[in-house]
Amino acid sequence: MQNMKSNIKTPSDSLSDGLKTPSKPRYRLTKLGEQMARLPIDPKIARILLAAKKHDCMAEILVIASALSIQDPRERPLEAREAAAKAHERFTDKQSDFLAYLNIWDSFQRERDKGLSNKQLVQWCHQYFLSHLRMREWRELHRQLAEIAIEMGLTSKEQAFRRPPVQEQLRPSEQAGDQDLSAKLKQKQLDKKQHRAQIRAAKEAGYEQIHRALLTGLIANVGMKSPDGHDYTGARGSHFHLFPASALFKSKPKWVMAAELTETTRLYARDVAAIQPEWIEQEAPHLVKYHYFEPHWEQKRGEVVASERVTLYGLT
């Protein structure tokens, strides 16, 4: 009797076939992910660095990114807490704790440019309650990140290293020579007003660039002030408070973002800055959701329109 080969597969046959040709999911890094992987820092900070190229603020972000990657260089000893807070006031910015890092960096750089000895720099740091060792660590990490950014083509050598800004002096109006005393005083006041407006305009432009770049990596740490005004509603219904040492603790702007959320007695936001809610939609369109409601006929436009609500992790 001739044996016929059966085409019926046993469970073990099916298993062996499955082992021979497994279905492998293909996970691949995006081009952005590949660039982030080359930076030896937290992925959130790496994302911020890449956004700095788009917003043309690489020199500033390199300073801030390296500061966020080390321990805070400011010292707050318990026995001299008030003295430390007073010394740190010269570095604070009323709108952003991130800009305080730039102010510290610029101040330290100005002292170095004076040709001070290492001992004198240590004394300067001690005077303003800054850790000289952490300042050195900060500068070293900044140099390494700048070199990697240059190698990756994110910036040039000239634009990677920040120089302390030179504050322009007030220039009197050329017409002042032909005016009487009263007119000269009025012209002087007008010159001062225009000078302040120019400084403010330049600062605001820089503020938006820097904080839009920061927002790309810190998008999960945004918050909107609660109706009672004491805390903030964060992503997915969380609630946090501004850290008491923040320069924004008293002002409490409507929208903020934070470098980190730390839980101690309550959930605190550290290193915060005021932001505009429209920046969220523009910098993270893939994360926001759109809801349309109340469709109605608009007589003047001659079309149907509706209201739109944009949400990020439940925040409107």
Protein backbone atom coordinates (compact mmCIF):
# COMPACT_ATOMS: atom_id res chain seq x y z
CA MET A 1 0.00 0.00 0.00
CA GLN A 2 1.45 3.34 -1.10
CA ASN A 3 1.80 5.93 1.67
CA MET A 4 0.42 9.33 0.81
CA LYS A 5 1.91 12.45 2.37
CA SER A 6 -0.71 14.32 4.32
CA ASN A 7 -1.11 18.10 3.81
CA ILE A 8 -2.69 18.46 7.22
CA LYS A 9 -0.42 20.45 9.56
CA THR A 10 -0.16 19.60 13.22
CA PRO A 11 0.00 22.37 15.86
CA SER A 12 3.74 21.73 16.24
CA ASP A 13 4.23 22.23 12.48
CA SER A 14 2.37 25.53 12.63
CA LEU A 15 4.50 26.61 15.57
CA SER A 16 7.74 25.79 13.77
CA ASP A 17 6.54 27.69 10.69
CA GLY A 18 5.74 30.64 12.87
CA LEU A 19 9.23 30.58 14.35
CA LYS A 20 10.78 30.53 10.90
CA THR A 21 8.94 33.59 9.61
CA PRO A 22 8.03 35.79 12.58
CA SER A 23 6.23 39.03 11.91
CA LYS A 24 8.62 41.72 13.16
CA PRO A 25 7.30 45.22 13.85
CA ARG A 26 9.53 47.77 12.15
CA TYR A 27 10.36 50.53 14.62
CA ARG A 28 12.59 53.18 13.12
CA LEU A 29 13.76 56.54 14.41
CA THR A 30 12.62 59.58 12.51
CA LYS A 31 15.21 62.03 11.22
CA LEU A 32 14.46 64.20 14.25
CA GLY A 33 14.90 61.20 16.56
CA GLU A 34 18.26 60.36 15.00
CA GLN A 35 19.48 63.90 15.66
CA MET A 36 18.21 63.77 19.26
CA ALA A 37 20.02 60.46 19.81
CA ARG A 38 23.35 62.14 19.02
CA LEU A 39 22.96 64.61 21.89
CA PRO A 40 24.13 63.19 25.28
CA ILE A 41 21.38 64.90 27.29
CA ASP A 42 17.77 64.30 28.35
CA PRO A 43 15.53 63.83 25.24
CA LYS A 44 13.38 66.81 26.27
CA ILE A 45 16.44 69.08 26.35
CA ALA A 46 17.71 67.58 23.08
CA ARG A 47 14.37 68.45 21.42
CA ILE A 48 14.70 72.03 22.67
CA LEU A 49 18.19 72.32 21.15
CA LEU A 50 16.91 71.22 17.75
CA ALA A 51 14.06 73.73 17.95
CA ALA A 52 16.60 76.49 18.70
CA LYS A 53 17.88 76.24 15.13
CA LYS A 54 14.39 76.89 13.77
CA HIS A 55 13.87 79.88 16.07
CA ASP A 56 17.39 81.28 15.59
CA CYS A 57 18.31 81.36 19.28
CA MET A 58 20.96 78.64 19.50
CA ALA A 59 23.46 80.68 21.57
CA GLU A 60 20.83 81.35 24.26
CA ILE A 61 19.39 77.83 24.27
CA LEU A 62 22.83 76.22 24.55
CA VAL A 63 23.36 78.18 27.78
CA ILE A 64 19.91 77.32 29.17
CA ALA A 65 20.01 73.65 28.05
CA SER A 66 23.37 73.06 29.74
CA ALA A 67 22.09 74.81 32.90
CA LEU A 68 19.02 72.54 33.04
CA SER A 69 21.28 69.48 32.69
CA ILE A 70 23.30 70.16 35.86
CA GLN A 71 22.53 71.04 39.47
CA ASP A 72 21.43 74.66 39.96
CA PRO A 73 24.59 76.78 40.39
CA ARG A 74 22.78 79.04 42.89
CA GLU A 75 23.37 78.18 46.54
CA ARG A 76 20.71 78.72 49.22
CA PRO A 77 22.25 77.79 52.61
CA LEU A 78 19.70 77.54 55.44
CA GLU A 79 21.69 79.83 57.73
CA ALA A 80 21.84 82.59 55.07
CA ARG A 81 18.67 82.04 53.06
CA GLU A 82 17.58 85.71 53.06
CA ALA A 83 21.06 86.95 52.11
CA ALA A 84 21.20 84.43 49.26
CA ALA A 85 17.75 85.45 47.98
CA LYS A 86 18.80 89.11 48.01
CA ALA A 87 22.06 88.33 46.18
CA HIS A 88 20.19 86.32 43.53
CA GLU A 89 17.77 89.21 42.85
CA ARG A 90 20.27 90.80 40.45
CA PHE A 91 19.84 87.78 38.14
CA THR A 92 16.05 87.41 38.23
CA ASP A 93 13.67 88.12 35.37
CA LYS A 94 10.05 88.91 36.21
CA GLN A 95 8.64 86.87 33.32
CA SER A 96 10.96 83.86 33.16
CA ASP A 97 13.15 81.82 35.49
CA PHE A 98 14.95 80.51 32.39
CA LEU A 99 16.28 83.97 31.59
CA ALA A 100 17.85 84.10 35.06
CA TYR A 101 20.33 81.50 33.79
CA LEU A 102 21.28 83.82 30.93
CA ASN A 103 21.74 86.68 33.40
CA ILE A 104 24.02 84.56 35.61
CA TRP A 105 25.99 83.42 32.57
CA ASP A 106 26.43 86.97 31.24
CA SER A 107 27.45 88.33 34.65
CA PHE A 108 30.06 85.59 35.13
CA GLN A 109 31.37 86.12 31.60
CA ARG A 110 31.79 89.87 32.19
CA GLU A 111 33.88 89.12 35.28
CA ARG A 112 36.04 86.69 33.29
CA ASP A 113 36.50 89.29 30.56
CA LYS A 114 37.95 91.65 33.16
CA GLY A 115 40.87 89.25 33.48
CA LEU A 116 40.16 88.25 37.09
CA SER A 117 42.25 85.50 38.62
CA ASN A 118 40.68 82.17 39.57
CA LYS A 119 40.75 83.22 43.24
CA GLN A 120 38.92 86.46 42.43
CA LEU A 121 36.27 84.55 40.44
CA VAL A 122 35.75 82.22 43.40
CA GLN A 123 35.29 85.28 45.65
CA TRP A 124 32.82 86.80 43.18
CA CYS A 125 30.81 83.55 43.16
CA HIS A 126 30.86 83.45 46.96
CA GLN A 127 29.59 87.06 47.09
CA TYR A 128 26.55 86.19 44.96
CA PHE A 129 25.96 82.71 46.46
CA LEU A 130 26.99 80.79 43.35
CA SER A 131 28.92 77.52 43.35
CA HIS A 132 32.19 78.01 41.50
CA LEU A 133 32.49 74.24 40.90
CA ARG A 134 29.04 74.09 39.32
CA MET A 135 29.83 77.16 37.22
CA ARG A 136 32.86 75.28 35.86
CA GLU A 137 30.72 72.17 35.24
CA TRP A 138 28.13 74.33 33.47
CA ARG A 139 30.75 75.93 31.21
CA GLU A 140 32.32 72.56 30.39
CA LEU A 141 28.98 70.96 29.43
CA HIS A 142 28.08 74.07 27.42
CA ARG A 143 31.36 73.77 25.47
CA GLN A 144 30.72 70.08 24.74
CA LEU A 145 27.14 70.70 23.57
CA ALA A 146 28.25 73.64 21.42
CA GLU A 147 30.90 71.47 19.72
CA ILE A 148 28.34 68.71 19.02
CA ALA A 149 25.83 71.27 17.67
CA ILE A 150 28.49 72.70 15.35
CA GLU A 151 29.49 69.19 14.20
CA MET A 152 25.81 68.36 13.49
CA GLY A 153 25.42 71.53 11.44
CA LEU A 154 22.86 73.06 13.82
CA THR A 155 24.87 76.25 14.17
CA SER A 156 28.16 77.90 13.28
CA LYS A 157 31.07 78.53 15.61
CA GLU A 158 30.37 82.28 15.55
CA GLN A 159 26.72 81.83 16.57
CA ALA A 160 27.15 79.01 19.11
CA PHE A 161 28.94 80.97 21.81
CA ARG A 162 26.99 83.74 23.49
CA ARG A 163 28.61 87.03 24.31
CA PRO A 164 27.14 89.32 27.01
CA PRO A 165 24.94 91.90 25.23
CA VAL A 166 26.29 95.45 25.09
CA GLN A 167 23.69 97.88 26.37
CA GLU A 168 23.36 100.83 24.04
CA GLN A 169 23.71 104.22 25.65
CA LEU A 170 20.98 106.80 25.33
CA ARG A 171 21.77 109.18 22.45
CA PRO A 172 20.42 112.73 22.76
CA SER A 173 18.38 114.10 19.87
CA GLU A 174 20.29 116.14 17.28
CA GLN A 175 17.60 118.86 17.41
CA ALA A 176 18.23 119.57 21.10
CA GLY A 177 20.90 122.21 20.39
CA ASP A 178 18.43 124.66 18.81
CA GLN A 179 15.73 124.35 21.50
CA ASP A 180 15.06 126.34 24.67
CA LEU A 181 15.41 124.73 28.12
CA SER A 182 11.77 123.62 28.39
CA ALA A 183 11.82 122.06 24.93
CA LYS A 184 15.14 120.35 25.69
CA LEU A 185 13.67 118.73 28.84
CA LYS A 186 10.66 117.49 26.88
CA GLN A 187 12.91 116.17 24.12
CA LYS A 188 15.09 114.40 26.70
CA GLN A 189 12.05 112.67 28.21
CA LEU A 190 10.89 111.65 24.74
CA ASP A 191 14.35 110.24 23.90
CA LYS A 192 14.34 108.19 27.13
CA LYS A 193 10.86 106.85 26.36
CA GLN A 194 11.88 105.81 22.85
CA HIS A 195 15.10 104.26 24.14
CA ARG A 196 13.18 102.16 26.68
CA ALA A 197 10.69 101.12 23.98
CA GLN A 198 13.52 99.95 21.69
CA ILE A 199 15.09 97.89 24.49
CA ARG A 200 11.69 96.41 25.38
CA ALA A 201 10.91 95.52 21.74
CA ALA A 202 14.26 93.76 21.31
CA LYS A 203 13.78 91.85 24.56
CA GLU A 204 10.23 90.77 23.66
CA ALA A 205 11.35 89.42 20.27
CA GLY A 206 14.12 87.44 21.93
CA TYR A 207 11.75 86.25 24.66
CA GLU A 208 9.32 84.70 22.19
CA GLN A 209 12.06 82.95 20.19
CA ILE A 210 13.69 81.43 23.28
CA HIS A 211 10.47 80.31 24.94
CA ARG A 212 8.93 78.86 21.78
CA ALA A 213 12.03 76.67 21.49
CA LEU A 214 11.78 75.68 25.18
CA LEU A 215 8.09 74.86 24.76
CA THR A 216 8.79 72.10 22.22
CA GLY A 217 10.51 70.00 24.90
CA LEU A 218 8.46 71.11 27.91
CA ILE A 219 5.01 70.84 26.32
CA ALA A 220 3.83 68.33 28.94
CA ASN A 221 4.62 70.81 31.73
CA VAL A 222 2.30 73.65 30.71
CA GLY A 223 -0.39 74.91 33.05
CA MET A 224 -3.28 77.37 33.19
CA LYS A 225 -4.10 79.34 36.32
CA SER A 226 -7.08 77.96 38.20
CA PRO A 227 -10.16 80.20 38.68
CA ASP A 228 -9.29 80.77 42.36
CA GLY A 229 -5.79 81.89 41.33
CA HIS A 230 -3.84 79.81 43.87
CA ASP A 231 -2.66 76.89 41.73
CA TYR A 232 -2.45 75.75 38.11
CA THR A 233 -4.29 73.08 36.16
CA GLY A 234 -1.81 70.99 34.21
CA ALA A 235 -1.91 68.15 31.73
CA ARG A 236 -4.55 65.43 32.21
CA GLY A 237 -6.21 67.17 35.15
CA SER A 238 -3.13 67.52 37.35
CA HIS A 239 -2.74 70.50 39.70
CA PHE A 240 0.52 72.16 40.68
CA HIS A 241 1.83 75.23 42.50
CA LEU A 242 4.65 77.57 41.53
CA PHE A 243 7.77 77.00 43.61
CA PRO A 244 8.13 79.82 46.20
CA ALA A 245 11.67 80.67 44.98
CA SER A 246 10.34 81.42 41.47
CA ALA A 247 10.37 85.05 40.31
CA LEU A 248 6.78 84.46 39.09
CA PHE A 249 5.48 83.24 42.45
CA LYS A 250 3.70 86.54 43.25
CA SER A 251 2.62 87.62 39.77
CA LYS A 252 1.21 84.19 38.73
CA PRO A 253 0.66 84.71 34.96
CA LYS A 254 -2.34 83.02 33.34
CA TRP A 255 -0.31 80.47 31.30
CA VAL A 256 3.08 79.02 32.30
CA MET A 257 5.45 76.22 31.38
CA ALA A 258 7.92 74.57 33.76
CA ALA A 259 11.24 72.78 33.40
CA GLU A 260 10.08 70.12 35.85
CA LEU A 261 7.28 69.18 38.24
CA THR A 262 8.52 67.97 41.63
CA GLU A 263 6.33 66.44 44.32
CA THR A 264 7.22 67.16 47.98
CA THR A 265 4.44 68.32 50.33
CA ARG A 266 2.56 69.26 47.11
CA LEU A 267 3.29 69.23 43.39
CA TYR A 268 5.60 72.15 42.58
CA ALA A 269 6.66 73.62 39.24
CA ARG A 270 10.34 74.62 39.15
CA ASP A 271 11.93 77.01 36.64
CA VAL A 272 8.78 78.48 35.14
CA ALA A 273 8.05 81.12 32.52
CA ALA A 274 5.01 82.96 31.22
CA ILE A 275 3.85 81.82 27.76
CA GLN A 276 1.12 82.65 25.26
CA PRO A 277 -1.43 79.82 24.71
CA GLU A 278 -1.33 80.26 20.91
CA TRP A 279 2.33 79.18 20.96
CA ILE A 280 1.18 75.71 22.07
CA GLU A 281 -0.98 75.20 18.99
CA GLN A 282 1.79 76.47 16.69
CA GLU A 283 4.65 74.46 18.23
CA ALA A 284 2.79 71.19 18.89
CA PRO A 285 -0.01 70.86 16.28
CA HIS A 286 0.28 67.04 16.42
CA LEU A 287 -0.66 67.02 20.13
CA VAL A 288 -3.68 69.35 20.19
CA LYS A 289 -7.27 68.32 19.50
CA TYR A 290 -9.91 70.41 17.78
CA HIS A 291 -13.57 70.49 18.74
CA TYR A 292 -16.25 72.28 16.70
CA PHE A 293 -19.66 73.27 18.04
CA GLU A 294 -22.58 75.68 17.61
CA PRO A 295 -22.69 75.75 13.79
CA HIS A 296 -24.71 78.70 12.50
CA TRP A 297 -25.27 80.81 9.40
CA GLU A 298 -23.18 83.98 9.20
CA GLN A 299 -25.23 86.50 7.21
CA LYS A 300 -22.37 88.93 6.40
CA ARG A 301 -19.96 86.21 5.27
CA GLY A 302 -22.64 84.22 3.51
CA GLU A 303 -21.48 80.87 4.92
CA VAL A 304 -21.91 78.44 7.79
CA VAL A 305 -19.44 78.99 10.64
CA ALA A 306 -18.84 77.25 13.96
CA SER A 307 -16.97 77.81 17.18
CA GLU A 308 -13.65 76.03 17.64
CA ARG A 309 -12.12 74.80 20.88
CA VAL A 310 -8.47 73.67 20.95
CA THR A 311 -7.29 71.40 23.79
CA LEU A 312 -3.92 69.99 24.86
CA TYR A 313 -4.06 67.04 27.28
CA GLY A 314 -7.47 68.31 28.44
CA LEU A 315 -6.41 71.97 28.79
CA THR A 316 -8.54 74.36 26.74
